[in-house]
Amino acid sequence: MLVAPSILSANFGKLDDDIKAICDGGCDLIHVDVMDGHFVPNMTIGPVVVNTVAKVATKPLDIHLMVENNSFFIDLFAHLKPKYISFHIESEKHPHRVIQKLRALDIKPAIVLNPHTPPSAIEYLLEDLDMVLLMSVNPGFGGQKFIPNVIKKAKELKKLINKYNPNCQIQVDGGVNDKNIEELKKAGVDIVVAGSYVFGASNYQNAIESLK
């Protein structure tokens, strides 16, 4: 299991220290939630903060766009060379175009599904993706309760991935902790995003290791 702590739950008063601590603590990716206040009812961070994160981080960035204008935001962050940029299928009329743009920038494309969106919505995109992110909370705010139906959804998605693109990874974001991590792994999940579980712990390394 790969672990991607979400800096949405970090202490922004000591963000440098928190980034260093999760990198030293054994995280695999740094999950960066970018919200525009339109697609979701919250605004988070922009290029200035993400630039700072990239300078401090010793692990790859995993940028999750919760925005209406995906191409605009991709242009803002492409120079940081994140490993993944994920965008919501619900916010994009031309997903193939965005996927091709990310490929041209040498960034791994990923698509996000909100809790109500079925895996079948991206069946004909799977061949072109490196990752699918399943939201196990409604996007917009950290610290929400895990939606159990994502387990069933992950199993359905895994079947489609095995059919179309076995190399595509499954990521889950929202309410992940040591109580549901086993079920997620059995359902075929490869990467978990953990915000409050990691940054709410007294020892980040112990929290990351407990998920692994």
C-alpha atoms as a PDB file:
ATOM      1  CA  MET A   1       0.000   0.000   0.000  1.00  0.00           C
ATOM      2  CA  LEU A   2       1.332   3.417  -0.993  1.00  0.00           C
ATOM      3  CA  VAL A   3       0.486   6.351   1.282  1.00  0.00           C
ATOM      4  CA  ALA A   4      -0.070   9.933   0.085  1.00  0.00           C
ATOM      5  CA  PRO A   5      -0.651  12.313   3.023  1.00  0.00           C
ATOM      6  CA  SER A   6      -2.928  15.211   2.081  1.00  0.00           C
ATOM      7  CA  ILE A   7      -1.442  18.561   3.051  1.00  0.00           C
ATOM      8  CA  LEU A   8      -4.992  19.928   3.321  1.00  0.00           C
ATOM      9  CA  SER A   9      -4.751  18.700   6.926  1.00  0.00           C
ATOM     10  CA  ALA A  10      -1.224  20.004   7.566  1.00  0.00           C
ATOM     11  CA  ASN A  11      -0.392  22.938   9.818  1.00  0.00           C
ATOM     12  CA  PHE A  12       0.126  25.787   7.354  1.00  0.00           C
ATOM     13  CA  GLY A  13       1.887  27.789  10.077  1.00  0.00           C
ATOM     14  CA  LYS A  14       4.717  25.261   9.878  1.00  0.00           C
ATOM     15  CA  LEU A  15       4.140  23.778   6.460  1.00  0.00           C
ATOM     16  CA  ASP A  16       7.849  23.314   5.690  1.00  0.00           C
ATOM     17  CA  ASP A  17       8.303  21.251   8.849  1.00  0.00           C
ATOM     18  CA  ASP A  18       5.227  19.135   8.143  1.00  0.00           C
ATOM     19  CA  ILE A  19       6.317  18.405   4.562  1.00  0.00           C
ATOM     20  CA  LYS A  20       9.782  17.367   5.726  1.00  0.00           C
ATOM     21  CA  ALA A  21       8.285  15.211   8.488  1.00  0.00           C
ATOM     22  CA  ILE A  22       6.028  13.177   6.188  1.00  0.00           C
ATOM     23  CA  CYS A  23       8.843  12.715   3.660  1.00  0.00           C
ATOM     24  CA  ASP A  24      11.187  11.540   6.417  1.00  0.00           C
ATOM     25  CA  GLY A  25       8.331   9.462   7.826  1.00  0.00           C
ATOM     26  CA  GLY A  26       8.121   7.282   4.728  1.00  0.00           C
ATOM     27  CA  CYS A  27       5.277   8.680   2.628  1.00  0.00           C
ATOM     28  CA  ASP A  28       5.270   7.766  -1.056  1.00  0.00           C
ATOM     29  CA  LEU A  29       3.550  10.840  -2.518  1.00  0.00           C
ATOM     30  CA  ILE A  30       2.449  14.250  -1.306  1.00  0.00           C
ATOM     31  CA  HIS A  31      -1.218  14.822  -2.088  1.00  0.00           C
ATOM     32  CA  VAL A  32      -2.046  18.428  -2.923  1.00  0.00           C
ATOM     33  CA  ASP A  33      -5.724  19.422  -3.010  1.00  0.00           C
ATOM     34  CA  VAL A  34      -6.404  22.398  -5.282  1.00  0.00           C
ATOM     35  CA  MET A  35      -9.951  23.795  -4.990  1.00  0.00           C
ATOM     36  CA  ASP A  36     -11.358  26.798  -6.839  1.00  0.00           C
ATOM     37  CA  GLY A  37     -14.486  27.626  -4.821  1.00  0.00           C
ATOM     38  CA  HIS A  38     -16.668  26.841  -7.856  1.00  0.00           C
ATOM     39  CA  PHE A  39     -16.521  23.105  -8.497  1.00  0.00           C
ATOM     40  CA  VAL A  40     -16.421  22.559  -4.728  1.00  0.00           C
ATOM     41  CA  PRO A  41     -17.562  24.953  -1.958  1.00  0.00           C
ATOM     42  CA  ASN A  42     -14.075  25.672  -0.692  1.00  0.00           C
ATOM     43  CA  MET A  43     -10.850  27.354  -1.784  1.00  0.00           C
ATOM     44  CA  THR A  44      -7.479  25.962  -0.792  1.00  0.00           C
ATOM     45  CA  ILE A  45      -4.063  26.695  -2.225  1.00  0.00           C
ATOM     46  CA  GLY A  46      -2.610  28.159  -5.392  1.00  0.00           C
ATOM     47  CA  PRO A  47       0.737  28.189  -7.204  1.00  0.00           C
ATOM     48  CA  VAL A  48       2.651  30.216  -4.584  1.00  0.00           C
ATOM     49  CA  VAL A  49       2.064  27.644  -1.842  1.00  0.00           C
ATOM     50  CA  VAL A  50       2.471  24.630  -4.126  1.00  0.00           C
ATOM     51  CA  ASN A  51       5.783  26.052  -5.385  1.00  0.00           C
ATOM     52  CA  THR A  52       6.966  26.159  -1.771  1.00  0.00           C
ATOM     53  CA  VAL A  53       5.811  22.587  -1.170  1.00  0.00           C
ATOM     54  CA  ALA A  54       7.706  21.416  -4.263  1.00  0.00           C
ATOM     55  CA  LYS A  55      10.929  23.056  -3.077  1.00  0.00           C
ATOM     56  CA  VAL A  56      10.798  21.327   0.294  1.00  0.00           C
ATOM     57  CA  ALA A  57       9.406  17.933  -0.775  1.00  0.00           C
ATOM     58  CA  THR A  58      11.688  14.969  -1.358  1.00  0.00           C
ATOM     59  CA  LYS A  59       8.778  12.810  -2.578  1.00  0.00           C
ATOM     60  CA  PRO A  60       6.734  13.283  -5.788  1.00  0.00           C
ATOM     61  CA  LEU A  61       3.696  15.543  -5.875  1.00  0.00           C
ATOM     62  CA  ASP A  62       0.216  14.146  -6.513  1.00  0.00           C
ATOM     63  CA  ILE A  63      -1.946  17.138  -7.455  1.00  0.00           C
ATOM     64  CA  HIS A  64      -5.720  16.705  -7.194  1.00  0.00           C
ATOM     65  CA  LEU A  65      -7.671  19.361  -9.087  1.00  0.00           C
ATOM     66  CA  MET A  66     -11.162  20.130  -7.794  1.00  0.00           C
ATOM     67  CA  VAL A  67     -11.779  22.918 -10.283  1.00  0.00           C
ATOM     68  CA  GLU A  68     -13.899  23.897 -13.282  1.00  0.00           C
ATOM     69  CA  ASN A  69     -11.145  24.917 -15.689  1.00  0.00           C
ATOM     70  CA  ASN A  70      -8.749  21.983 -15.651  1.00  0.00           C
ATOM     71  CA  SER A  71      -6.472  23.083 -18.491  1.00  0.00           C
ATOM     72  CA  PHE A  72      -5.903  26.486 -16.895  1.00  0.00           C
ATOM     73  CA  PHE A  73      -4.829  24.917 -13.616  1.00  0.00           C
ATOM     74  CA  ILE A  74      -2.648  22.319 -15.322  1.00  0.00           C
ATOM     75  CA  ASP A  75      -0.710  25.179 -16.917  1.00  0.00           C
ATOM     76  CA  LEU A  76      -0.166  26.701 -13.468  1.00  0.00           C
ATOM     77  CA  PHE A  77       1.411  23.558 -12.032  1.00  0.00           C
ATOM     78  CA  ALA A  78       3.005  21.752 -14.983  1.00  0.00           C
ATOM     79  CA  HIS A  79       6.441  23.328 -14.418  1.00  0.00           C
ATOM     80  CA  LEU A  80       6.641  21.591 -11.017  1.00  0.00           C
ATOM     81  CA  LYS A  81       6.641  18.216 -12.802  1.00  0.00           C
ATOM     82  CA  PRO A  82       4.272  16.424 -10.410  1.00  0.00           C
ATOM     83  CA  LYS A  83       4.045  12.663 -10.802  1.00  0.00           C
ATOM     84  CA  TYR A  84       0.242  12.779 -11.126  1.00  0.00           C
ATOM     85  CA  ILE A  85      -2.378  15.381 -11.872  1.00  0.00           C
ATOM     86  CA  SER A  86      -5.912  14.148 -11.332  1.00  0.00           C
ATOM     87  CA  PHE A  87      -9.064  15.884 -12.510  1.00  0.00           C
ATOM     88  CA  HIS A  88     -12.755  15.193 -11.966  1.00  0.00           C
ATOM     89  CA  ILE A  89     -14.739  13.541 -14.739  1.00  0.00           C
ATOM     90  CA  GLU A  90     -17.737  15.557 -13.497  1.00  0.00           C
ATOM     91  CA  SER A  91     -16.009  18.857 -14.332  1.00  0.00           C
ATOM     92  CA  GLU A  92     -14.583  18.054 -17.752  1.00  0.00           C
ATOM     93  CA  LYS A  93     -16.371  17.995 -21.121  1.00  0.00           C
ATOM     94  CA  HIS A  94     -13.288  16.851 -23.047  1.00  0.00           C
ATOM     95  CA  PRO A  95     -11.393  14.376 -20.852  1.00  0.00           C
ATOM     96  CA  HIS A  96      -9.369  12.854 -23.697  1.00  0.00           C
ATOM     97  CA  ARG A  97      -8.023  16.285 -24.555  1.00  0.00           C
ATOM     98  CA  VAL A  98      -6.896  16.848 -20.963  1.00  0.00           C
ATOM     99  CA  ILE A  99      -5.335  13.384 -20.777  1.00  0.00           C
ATOM    100  CA  GLN A 100      -3.370  14.059 -23.963  1.00  0.00           C
ATOM    101  CA  LYS A 101      -2.241  17.415 -22.600  1.00  0.00           C
ATOM    102  CA  LEU A 102      -0.901  15.789 -19.438  1.00  0.00           C
ATOM    103  CA  ARG A 103       0.881  13.088 -21.440  1.00  0.00           C
ATOM    104  CA  ALA A 104       2.535  15.750 -23.595  1.00  0.00           C
ATOM    105  CA  LEU A 105       3.786  17.403 -20.390  1.00  0.00           C
ATOM    106  CA  ASP A 106       5.194  14.071 -19.139  1.00  0.00           C
ATOM    107  CA  ILE A 107       2.729  13.995 -16.225  1.00  0.00           C
ATOM    108  CA  LYS A 108       0.768  10.851 -15.397  1.00  0.00           C
ATOM    109  CA  PRO A 109      -2.957  11.498 -16.018  1.00  0.00           C
ATOM    110  CA  ALA A 110      -5.541  10.463 -13.459  1.00  0.00           C
ATOM    111  CA  ILE A 111      -9.310  10.861 -13.279  1.00  0.00           C
ATOM    112  CA  VAL A 112     -11.349  11.359 -10.106  1.00  0.00           C
ATOM    113  CA  LEU A 113     -14.826   9.988  -9.445  1.00  0.00           C
ATOM    114  CA  ASN A 114     -17.119  11.618  -6.900  1.00  0.00           C
ATOM    115  CA  PRO A 115     -18.964   9.220  -4.541  1.00  0.00           C
ATOM    116  CA  HIS A 116     -22.078   9.111  -6.755  1.00  0.00           C
ATOM    117  CA  THR A 117     -20.251   8.572 -10.082  1.00  0.00           C
ATOM    118  CA  PRO A 118     -20.028   4.910 -11.210  1.00  0.00           C
ATOM    119  CA  PRO A 119     -16.814   3.362 -12.578  1.00  0.00           C
ATOM    120  CA  SER A 120     -18.644   2.738 -15.874  1.00  0.00           C
ATOM    121  CA  ALA A 121     -18.486   6.512 -16.505  1.00  0.00           C
ATOM    122  CA  ILE A 122     -14.781   6.170 -17.387  1.00  0.00           C
ATOM    123  CA  GLU A 123     -14.765   2.678 -18.909  1.00  0.00           C
ATOM    124  CA  TYR A 124     -13.625   3.984 -22.284  1.00  0.00           C
ATOM    125  CA  LEU A 125     -10.940   6.207 -20.764  1.00  0.00           C
ATOM    126  CA  LEU A 126      -9.181   3.555 -18.685  1.00  0.00           C
ATOM    127  CA  GLU A 127      -6.745   2.546 -21.424  1.00  0.00           C
ATOM    128  CA  ASP A 128      -5.322   6.078 -21.357  1.00  0.00           C
ATOM    129  CA  LEU A 129      -5.005   6.524 -17.580  1.00  0.00           C
ATOM    130  CA  ASP A 130      -2.292   5.825 -15.033  1.00  0.00           C
ATOM    131  CA  MET A 131      -4.572   6.157 -12.018  1.00  0.00           C
ATOM    132  CA  VAL A 132      -8.218   6.486 -10.969  1.00  0.00           C
ATOM    133  CA  LEU A 133      -8.990   8.313  -7.732  1.00  0.00           C
ATOM    134  CA  LEU A 134     -12.169   7.279  -5.938  1.00  0.00           C
ATOM    135  CA  MET A 135     -13.528   9.855  -3.514  1.00  0.00           C
ATOM    136  CA  SER A 136     -14.723   8.192  -0.315  1.00  0.00           C
ATOM    137  CA  VAL A 137     -16.100  11.511   0.943  1.00  0.00           C
ATOM    138  CA  ASN A 138     -17.773  14.364  -0.913  1.00  0.00           C
ATOM    139  CA  PRO A 139     -14.933  16.616  -2.081  1.00  0.00           C
ATOM    140  CA  GLY A 140     -14.301  20.027  -0.589  1.00  0.00           C
ATOM    141  CA  PHE A 141     -13.301  19.571   3.033  1.00  0.00           C
ATOM    142  CA  GLY A 142     -10.942  17.391   5.056  1.00  0.00           C
ATOM    143  CA  GLY A 143     -11.819  15.344   8.101  1.00  0.00           C
ATOM    144  CA  GLN A 144     -15.038  13.827   6.724  1.00  0.00           C
ATOM    145  CA  LYS A 145     -16.392  10.357   7.501  1.00  0.00           C
ATOM    146  CA  PHE A 146     -15.550   7.482   5.161  1.00  0.00           C
ATOM    147  CA  ILE A 147     -18.364   6.368   2.806  1.00  0.00           C
ATOM    148  CA  PRO A 148     -18.345   2.517   2.985  1.00  0.00           C
ATOM    149  CA  ASN A 149     -19.826   2.042  -0.532  1.00  0.00           C
ATOM    150  CA  VAL A 150     -16.426   2.923  -1.976  1.00  0.00           C
ATOM    151  CA  ILE A 151     -15.301  -0.631  -1.139  1.00  0.00           C
ATOM    152  CA  LYS A 152     -17.867  -2.091  -3.558  1.00  0.00           C
ATOM    153  CA  LYS A 153     -16.998   0.603  -6.085  1.00  0.00           C
ATOM    154  CA  ALA A 154     -13.279  -0.190  -5.895  1.00  0.00           C
ATOM    155  CA  LYS A 155     -14.018  -3.849  -6.618  1.00  0.00           C
ATOM    156  CA  GLU A 156     -16.101  -2.892  -9.672  1.00  0.00           C
ATOM    157  CA  LEU A 157     -13.361  -0.576 -10.889  1.00  0.00           C
ATOM    158  CA  LYS A 158     -10.699  -3.245 -10.385  1.00  0.00           C
ATOM    159  CA  LYS A 159     -12.602  -5.591 -12.715  1.00  0.00           C
ATOM    160  CA  LEU A 160     -12.698  -2.914 -15.431  1.00  0.00           C
ATOM    161  CA  ILE A 161      -9.014  -2.110 -14.921  1.00  0.00           C
ATOM    162  CA  ASN A 162      -8.067  -5.777 -15.259  1.00  0.00           C
ATOM    163  CA  LYS A 163     -10.007  -5.831 -18.536  1.00  0.00           C
ATOM    164  CA  TYR A 164      -8.715  -2.612 -20.099  1.00  0.00           C
ATOM    165  CA  ASN A 165      -5.476  -1.540 -18.404  1.00  0.00           C
ATOM    166  CA  PRO A 166      -3.970  -3.717 -15.643  1.00  0.00           C
ATOM    167  CA  ASN A 167      -1.227  -1.158 -14.990  1.00  0.00           C
ATOM    168  CA  CYS A 168      -3.696   1.543 -13.940  1.00  0.00           C
ATOM    169  CA  GLN A 169      -3.645   2.154 -10.192  1.00  0.00           C
ATOM    170  CA  ILE A 170      -6.556   2.811  -7.837  1.00  0.00           C
ATOM    171  CA  GLN A 171      -6.334   5.563  -5.253  1.00  0.00           C
ATOM    172  CA  VAL A 172      -8.888   6.308  -2.517  1.00  0.00           C
ATOM    173  CA  ASP A 173      -9.246   9.663  -0.777  1.00  0.00           C
ATOM    174  CA  GLY A 174     -11.345  10.532   2.262  1.00  0.00           C
ATOM    175  CA  GLY A 175     -11.690   9.192   5.795  1.00  0.00           C
ATOM    176  CA  VAL A 176      -8.973   6.562   5.373  1.00  0.00           C
ATOM    177  CA  ASN A 177      -7.605   5.129   8.630  1.00  0.00           C
ATOM    178  CA  ASP A 178      -6.253   1.954  10.222  1.00  0.00           C
ATOM    179  CA  LYS A 179      -9.813   0.615  10.610  1.00  0.00           C
ATOM    180  CA  ASN A 180     -10.693   0.510   6.884  1.00  0.00           C
ATOM    181  CA  ILE A 181      -7.266   0.143   5.262  1.00  0.00           C
ATOM    182  CA  GLU A 182      -7.457  -3.677   5.200  1.00  0.00           C
ATOM    183  CA  GLU A 183     -10.765  -3.683   3.337  1.00  0.00           C
ATOM    184  CA  LEU A 184      -9.431  -1.147   0.844  1.00  0.00           C
ATOM    185  CA  LYS A 185      -6.388  -3.297   0.127  1.00  0.00           C
ATOM    186  CA  LYS A 186      -8.553  -6.394  -0.393  1.00  0.00           C
ATOM    187  CA  ALA A 187     -10.761  -4.402  -2.787  1.00  0.00           C
ATOM    188  CA  GLY A 188      -7.744  -3.705  -5.011  1.00  0.00           C
ATOM    189  CA  VAL A 189      -6.719  -0.216  -3.864  1.00  0.00           C
ATOM    190  CA  ASP A 190      -3.047   0.639  -4.493  1.00  0.00           C
ATOM    191  CA  ILE A 191      -2.702   4.124  -2.967  1.00  0.00           C
ATOM    192  CA  VAL A 192      -4.503   5.805  -0.084  1.00  0.00           C
ATOM    193  CA  VAL A 193      -4.732   9.516   0.608  1.00  0.00           C
ATOM    194  CA  ALA A 194      -4.699  10.213   4.335  1.00  0.00           C
ATOM    195  CA  GLY A 195      -5.026  13.717   5.721  1.00  0.00           C
ATOM    196  CA  SER A 196      -6.318  14.009   9.244  1.00  0.00           C
ATOM    197  CA  TYR A 197      -5.219  10.452  10.105  1.00  0.00           C
ATOM    198  CA  VAL A 198      -1.571  11.347   9.440  1.00  0.00           C
ATOM    199  CA  PHE A 199      -1.426  15.024  10.384  1.00  0.00           C
ATOM    200  CA  GLY A 200      -3.673  14.496  13.411  1.00  0.00           C
ATOM    201  CA  ALA A 201      -1.271  11.915  14.823  1.00  0.00           C
ATOM    202  CA  SER A 202       1.407  12.755  17.375  1.00  0.00           C
ATOM    203  CA  ASN A 203       3.927  10.845  15.253  1.00  0.00           C
ATOM    204  CA  TYR A 204       3.540  11.080  11.457  1.00  0.00           C
ATOM    205  CA  GLN A 205       5.895   8.184  10.793  1.00  0.00           C
ATOM    206  CA  ASN A 206       3.941   5.819  13.028  1.00  0.00           C
ATOM    207  CA  ALA A 207       0.671   6.812  11.320  1.00  0.00           C
ATOM    208  CA  ILE A 208       2.112   6.227   7.841  1.00  0.00           C
ATOM    209  CA  GLU A 209       3.634   2.893   8.875  1.00  0.00           C
ATOM    210  CA  SER A 210       0.331   1.725  10.408  1.00  0.00           C
ATOM    211  CA  LEU A 211      -1.363   2.203   7.024  1.00  0.00           C
ATOM    212  CA  LYS A 212       1.433   0.463   5.144  1.00  0.00           C
END
